[in-house]
Amino acid sequence: MLLPGVILLVVLAIFFCWCRIDSQAHHAMQEARDIRVAMRLTALECSAAGEALYDPTTPDGMLKGAAQRIRELTYADGKIVLTGWDDRSGLPRSFTYRKGSFMVEYQALGDGGTTDGQWDIYYEFHVLTYTTAWE
């Protein structure tokens, strides 16, 4: 009699974890979509100042202070890395957004002049830490 109860408990725990991960993934995706729009607005501001948003020589791929401006516009608190920019359309070709255990990757489809894109969401978790100390 105890076995069906344990199985039910395990199934419910797995379902609860899946629902929680799915909900957080959707939230990270929505933040990344907002970031894409904020990148365009920030690029317009940079352009008006005579500068370019995309700077591949920096670790985050953006002009100094641009990532902070994007975070202010979107209230996103994750790490943004711009990896590709289309100067003709003023839209990102590709970027990543990492928040907690989630990473969202955006890749523009077509020539980059449309809003079509592919969004991939990854979930990671820490499994094991193994340390050896040699004397």
C-alpha atoms as a PDB file:
ATOM      1  CA  MET A   1       0.000   0.000   0.000  1.00  0.00           C
ATOM      2  CA  LEU A   2       2.882   2.353   0.622  1.00  0.00           C
ATOM      3  CA  LEU A   3       4.368   1.977  -2.886  1.00  0.00           C
ATOM      4  CA  PRO A   4       1.498   3.688  -4.823  1.00  0.00           C
ATOM      5  CA  GLY A   5       1.663   6.665  -2.449  1.00  0.00           C
ATOM      6  CA  VAL A   6       5.419   7.022  -2.928  1.00  0.00           C
ATOM      7  CA  ILE A   7       5.063   6.769  -6.708  1.00  0.00           C
ATOM      8  CA  LEU A   8       2.320   9.408  -6.683  1.00  0.00           C
ATOM      9  CA  LEU A   9       4.482  11.685  -4.532  1.00  0.00           C
ATOM     10  CA  VAL A  10       7.460  11.303  -6.895  1.00  0.00           C
ATOM     11  CA  VAL A  11       5.298  11.995  -9.964  1.00  0.00           C
ATOM     12  CA  LEU A  12       3.800  15.095  -8.333  1.00  0.00           C
ATOM     13  CA  ALA A  13       7.264  16.360  -7.326  1.00  0.00           C
ATOM     14  CA  ILE A  14       8.557  15.932 -10.876  1.00  0.00           C
ATOM     15  CA  PHE A  15       5.487  17.705 -12.290  1.00  0.00           C
ATOM     16  CA  PHE A  16       5.867  20.581  -9.810  1.00  0.00           C
ATOM     17  CA  CYS A  17       9.565  21.001 -10.711  1.00  0.00           C
ATOM     18  CA  TRP A  18       8.779  20.949 -14.422  1.00  0.00           C
ATOM     19  CA  CYS A  19       6.037  23.603 -13.982  1.00  0.00           C
ATOM     20  CA  ARG A  20       8.383  25.830 -11.999  1.00  0.00           C
ATOM     21  CA  ILE A  21      11.216  25.531 -14.552  1.00  0.00           C
ATOM     22  CA  ASP A  22       8.780  26.185 -17.415  1.00  0.00           C
ATOM     23  CA  SER A  23       7.393  29.291 -15.718  1.00  0.00           C
ATOM     24  CA  GLN A  24      10.847  30.715 -15.016  1.00  0.00           C
ATOM     25  CA  ALA A  25      11.946  29.944 -18.589  1.00  0.00           C
ATOM     26  CA  HIS A  26       8.996  31.918 -19.961  1.00  0.00           C
ATOM     27  CA  HIS A  27       9.883  34.819 -17.679  1.00  0.00           C
ATOM     28  CA  ALA A  28      13.522  34.813 -18.863  1.00  0.00           C
ATOM     29  CA  MET A  29      12.321  34.683 -22.480  1.00  0.00           C
ATOM     30  CA  GLN A  30      10.019  37.670 -21.968  1.00  0.00           C
ATOM     31  CA  GLU A  31      12.888  39.650 -20.449  1.00  0.00           C
ATOM     32  CA  ALA A  32      15.082  38.743 -23.432  1.00  0.00           C
ATOM     33  CA  ARG A  33      12.373  39.912 -25.852  1.00  0.00           C
ATOM     34  CA  ASP A  34      12.185  43.206 -23.966  1.00  0.00           C
ATOM     35  CA  ILE A  35      15.981  43.466 -24.155  1.00  0.00           C
ATOM     36  CA  ARG A  36      15.821  43.134 -27.952  1.00  0.00           C
ATOM     37  CA  VAL A  37      13.460  46.122 -28.149  1.00  0.00           C
ATOM     38  CA  ALA A  38      15.570  48.106 -25.669  1.00  0.00           C
ATOM     39  CA  MET A  39      18.667  47.410 -27.779  1.00  0.00           C
ATOM     40  CA  ARG A  40      16.998  49.081 -30.724  1.00  0.00           C
ATOM     41  CA  LEU A  41      16.036  52.122 -28.638  1.00  0.00           C
ATOM     42  CA  THR A  42      19.526  52.350 -27.151  1.00  0.00           C
ATOM     43  CA  ALA A  43      21.048  52.026 -30.634  1.00  0.00           C
ATOM     44  CA  LEU A  44      18.938  54.997 -31.766  1.00  0.00           C
ATOM     45  CA  GLU A  45      20.176  57.028 -28.797  1.00  0.00           C
ATOM     46  CA  CYS A  46      23.785  56.063 -29.556  1.00  0.00           C
ATOM     47  CA  SER A  47      23.322  56.904 -33.218  1.00  0.00           C
ATOM     48  CA  ALA A  48      21.991  60.348 -32.321  1.00  0.00           C
ATOM     49  CA  ALA A  49      25.162  60.881 -30.272  1.00  0.00           C
ATOM     50  CA  GLY A  50      27.308  59.775 -33.224  1.00  0.00           C
ATOM     51  CA  GLU A  51      28.311  56.426 -31.706  1.00  0.00           C
ATOM     52  CA  ALA A  52      27.535  52.792 -32.481  1.00  0.00           C
ATOM     53  CA  LEU A  53      25.911  50.453 -29.961  1.00  0.00           C
ATOM     54  CA  TYR A  54      27.784  47.392 -31.199  1.00  0.00           C
ATOM     55  CA  ASP A  55      31.413  47.250 -30.099  1.00  0.00           C
ATOM     56  CA  PRO A  56      32.902  43.782 -30.604  1.00  0.00           C
ATOM     57  CA  THR A  57      36.075  44.765 -28.732  1.00  0.00           C
ATOM     58  CA  THR A  58      34.279  44.834 -25.362  1.00  0.00           C
ATOM     59  CA  PRO A  59      33.370  41.746 -23.302  1.00  0.00           C
ATOM     60  CA  ASP A  60      29.614  42.360 -23.644  1.00  0.00           C
ATOM     61  CA  GLY A  61      29.793  43.512 -27.274  1.00  0.00           C
ATOM     62  CA  MET A  62      28.320  46.932 -26.532  1.00  0.00           C
ATOM     63  CA  LEU A  63      29.416  50.512 -26.100  1.00  0.00           C
ATOM     64  CA  LYS A  64      30.357  51.348 -22.507  1.00  0.00           C
ATOM     65  CA  GLY A  65      27.201  52.061 -20.485  1.00  0.00           C
ATOM     66  CA  ALA A  66      24.823  50.600 -23.091  1.00  0.00           C
ATOM     67  CA  ALA A  67      24.134  47.412 -21.131  1.00  0.00           C
ATOM     68  CA  GLN A  68      23.232  49.473 -18.067  1.00  0.00           C
ATOM     69  CA  ARG A  69      20.884  51.637 -20.152  1.00  0.00           C
ATOM     70  CA  ILE A  70      19.193  48.505 -21.539  1.00  0.00           C
ATOM     71  CA  ARG A  71      18.768  47.127 -18.014  1.00  0.00           C
ATOM     72  CA  GLU A  72      17.174  50.419 -16.938  1.00  0.00           C
ATOM     73  CA  LEU A  73      14.704  50.274 -19.816  1.00  0.00           C
ATOM     74  CA  THR A  74      13.728  46.647 -19.228  1.00  0.00           C
ATOM     75  CA  TYR A  75      14.288  46.072 -15.492  1.00  0.00           C
ATOM     76  CA  ALA A  76      16.242  42.964 -16.515  1.00  0.00           C
ATOM     77  CA  ASP A  77      18.948  42.017 -14.051  1.00  0.00           C
ATOM     78  CA  GLY A  78      20.811  39.321 -15.966  1.00  0.00           C
ATOM     79  CA  LYS A  79      23.967  39.408 -18.095  1.00  0.00           C
ATOM     80  CA  ILE A  80      23.540  40.601 -21.689  1.00  0.00           C
ATOM     81  CA  VAL A  81      26.105  39.848 -24.400  1.00  0.00           C
ATOM     82  CA  LEU A  82      25.563  41.227 -27.903  1.00  0.00           C
ATOM     83  CA  THR A  83      27.272  38.923 -30.413  1.00  0.00           C
ATOM     84  CA  GLY A  84      26.039  40.302 -33.734  1.00  0.00           C
ATOM     85  CA  TRP A  85      24.491  43.521 -35.059  1.00  0.00           C
ATOM     86  CA  ASP A  86      22.837  44.528 -38.351  1.00  0.00           C
ATOM     87  CA  ASP A  87      23.714  48.160 -39.117  1.00  0.00           C
ATOM     88  CA  ARG A  88      21.159  48.448 -41.955  1.00  0.00           C
ATOM     89  CA  SER A  89      18.118  47.561 -39.861  1.00  0.00           C
ATOM     90  CA  GLY A  90      19.443  48.710 -36.484  1.00  0.00           C
ATOM     91  CA  LEU A  91      18.531  45.356 -34.940  1.00  0.00           C
ATOM     92  CA  PRO A  92      20.593  42.718 -33.178  1.00  0.00           C
ATOM     93  CA  ARG A  93      21.586  39.696 -35.293  1.00  0.00           C
ATOM     94  CA  SER A  94      22.337  37.647 -32.174  1.00  0.00           C
ATOM     95  CA  PHE A  95      22.699  38.018 -28.420  1.00  0.00           C
ATOM     96  CA  THR A  96      22.566  36.001 -25.225  1.00  0.00           C
ATOM     97  CA  TYR A  97      20.848  36.795 -21.963  1.00  0.00           C
ATOM     98  CA  ARG A  98      21.802  34.867 -18.840  1.00  0.00           C
ATOM     99  CA  LYS A  99      19.693  35.068 -15.703  1.00  0.00           C
ATOM    100  CA  GLY A 100      20.193  32.641 -12.860  1.00  0.00           C
ATOM    101  CA  SER A 101      20.110  29.097 -14.215  1.00  0.00           C
ATOM    102  CA  PHE A 102      18.646  30.175 -17.555  1.00  0.00           C
ATOM    103  CA  MET A 103      20.306  31.328 -20.739  1.00  0.00           C
ATOM    104  CA  VAL A 104      18.327  32.693 -23.685  1.00  0.00           C
ATOM    105  CA  GLU A 105      19.972  32.848 -27.104  1.00  0.00           C
ATOM    106  CA  TYR A 106      18.512  34.959 -29.893  1.00  0.00           C
ATOM    107  CA  GLN A 107      19.444  34.503 -33.541  1.00  0.00           C
ATOM    108  CA  ALA A 108      17.811  36.642 -36.264  1.00  0.00           C
ATOM    109  CA  LEU A 109      16.348  34.791 -39.223  1.00  0.00           C
ATOM    110  CA  GLY A 110      16.594  35.931 -42.819  1.00  0.00           C
ATOM    111  CA  ASP A 111      18.374  39.139 -43.745  1.00  0.00           C
ATOM    112  CA  GLY A 112      17.892  40.690 -40.304  1.00  0.00           C
ATOM    113  CA  GLY A 113      15.470  43.361 -41.501  1.00  0.00           C
ATOM    114  CA  THR A 114      12.479  41.615 -39.948  1.00  0.00           C
ATOM    115  CA  THR A 115      11.486  40.779 -36.419  1.00  0.00           C
ATOM    116  CA  ASP A 116      11.684  37.047 -37.177  1.00  0.00           C
ATOM    117  CA  GLY A 117      14.110  35.196 -34.991  1.00  0.00           C
ATOM    118  CA  GLN A 118      14.855  31.965 -33.225  1.00  0.00           C
ATOM    119  CA  TRP A 119      14.854  31.917 -29.438  1.00  0.00           C
ATOM    120  CA  ASP A 120      16.581  29.056 -27.621  1.00  0.00           C
ATOM    121  CA  ILE A 121      16.222  28.742 -23.858  1.00  0.00           C
ATOM    122  CA  TYR A 122      18.659  26.639 -21.853  1.00  0.00           C
ATOM    123  CA  TYR A 123      18.414  25.509 -18.246  1.00  0.00           C
ATOM    124  CA  GLU A 124      21.440  24.505 -16.250  1.00  0.00           C
ATOM    125  CA  PHE A 125      21.948  23.283 -12.760  1.00  0.00           C
ATOM    126  CA  HIS A 126      24.948  22.392 -10.670  1.00  0.00           C
ATOM    127  CA  VAL A 127      25.347  18.655 -10.273  1.00  0.00           C
ATOM    128  CA  LEU A 128      28.659  18.078  -8.534  1.00  0.00           C
ATOM    129  CA  THR A 129      31.757  19.821  -7.263  1.00  0.00           C
ATOM    130  CA  TYR A 130      34.827  17.654  -7.154  1.00  0.00           C
ATOM    131  CA  THR A 131      38.054  19.023  -5.738  1.00  0.00           C
ATOM    132  CA  THR A 132      41.370  17.317  -5.310  1.00  0.00           C
ATOM    133  CA  ALA A 133      44.155  18.729  -3.203  1.00  0.00           C
ATOM    134  CA  TRP A 134      47.666  17.545  -3.924  1.00  0.00           C
ATOM    135  CA  GLU A 135      50.271  18.034  -1.279  1.00  0.00           C
END
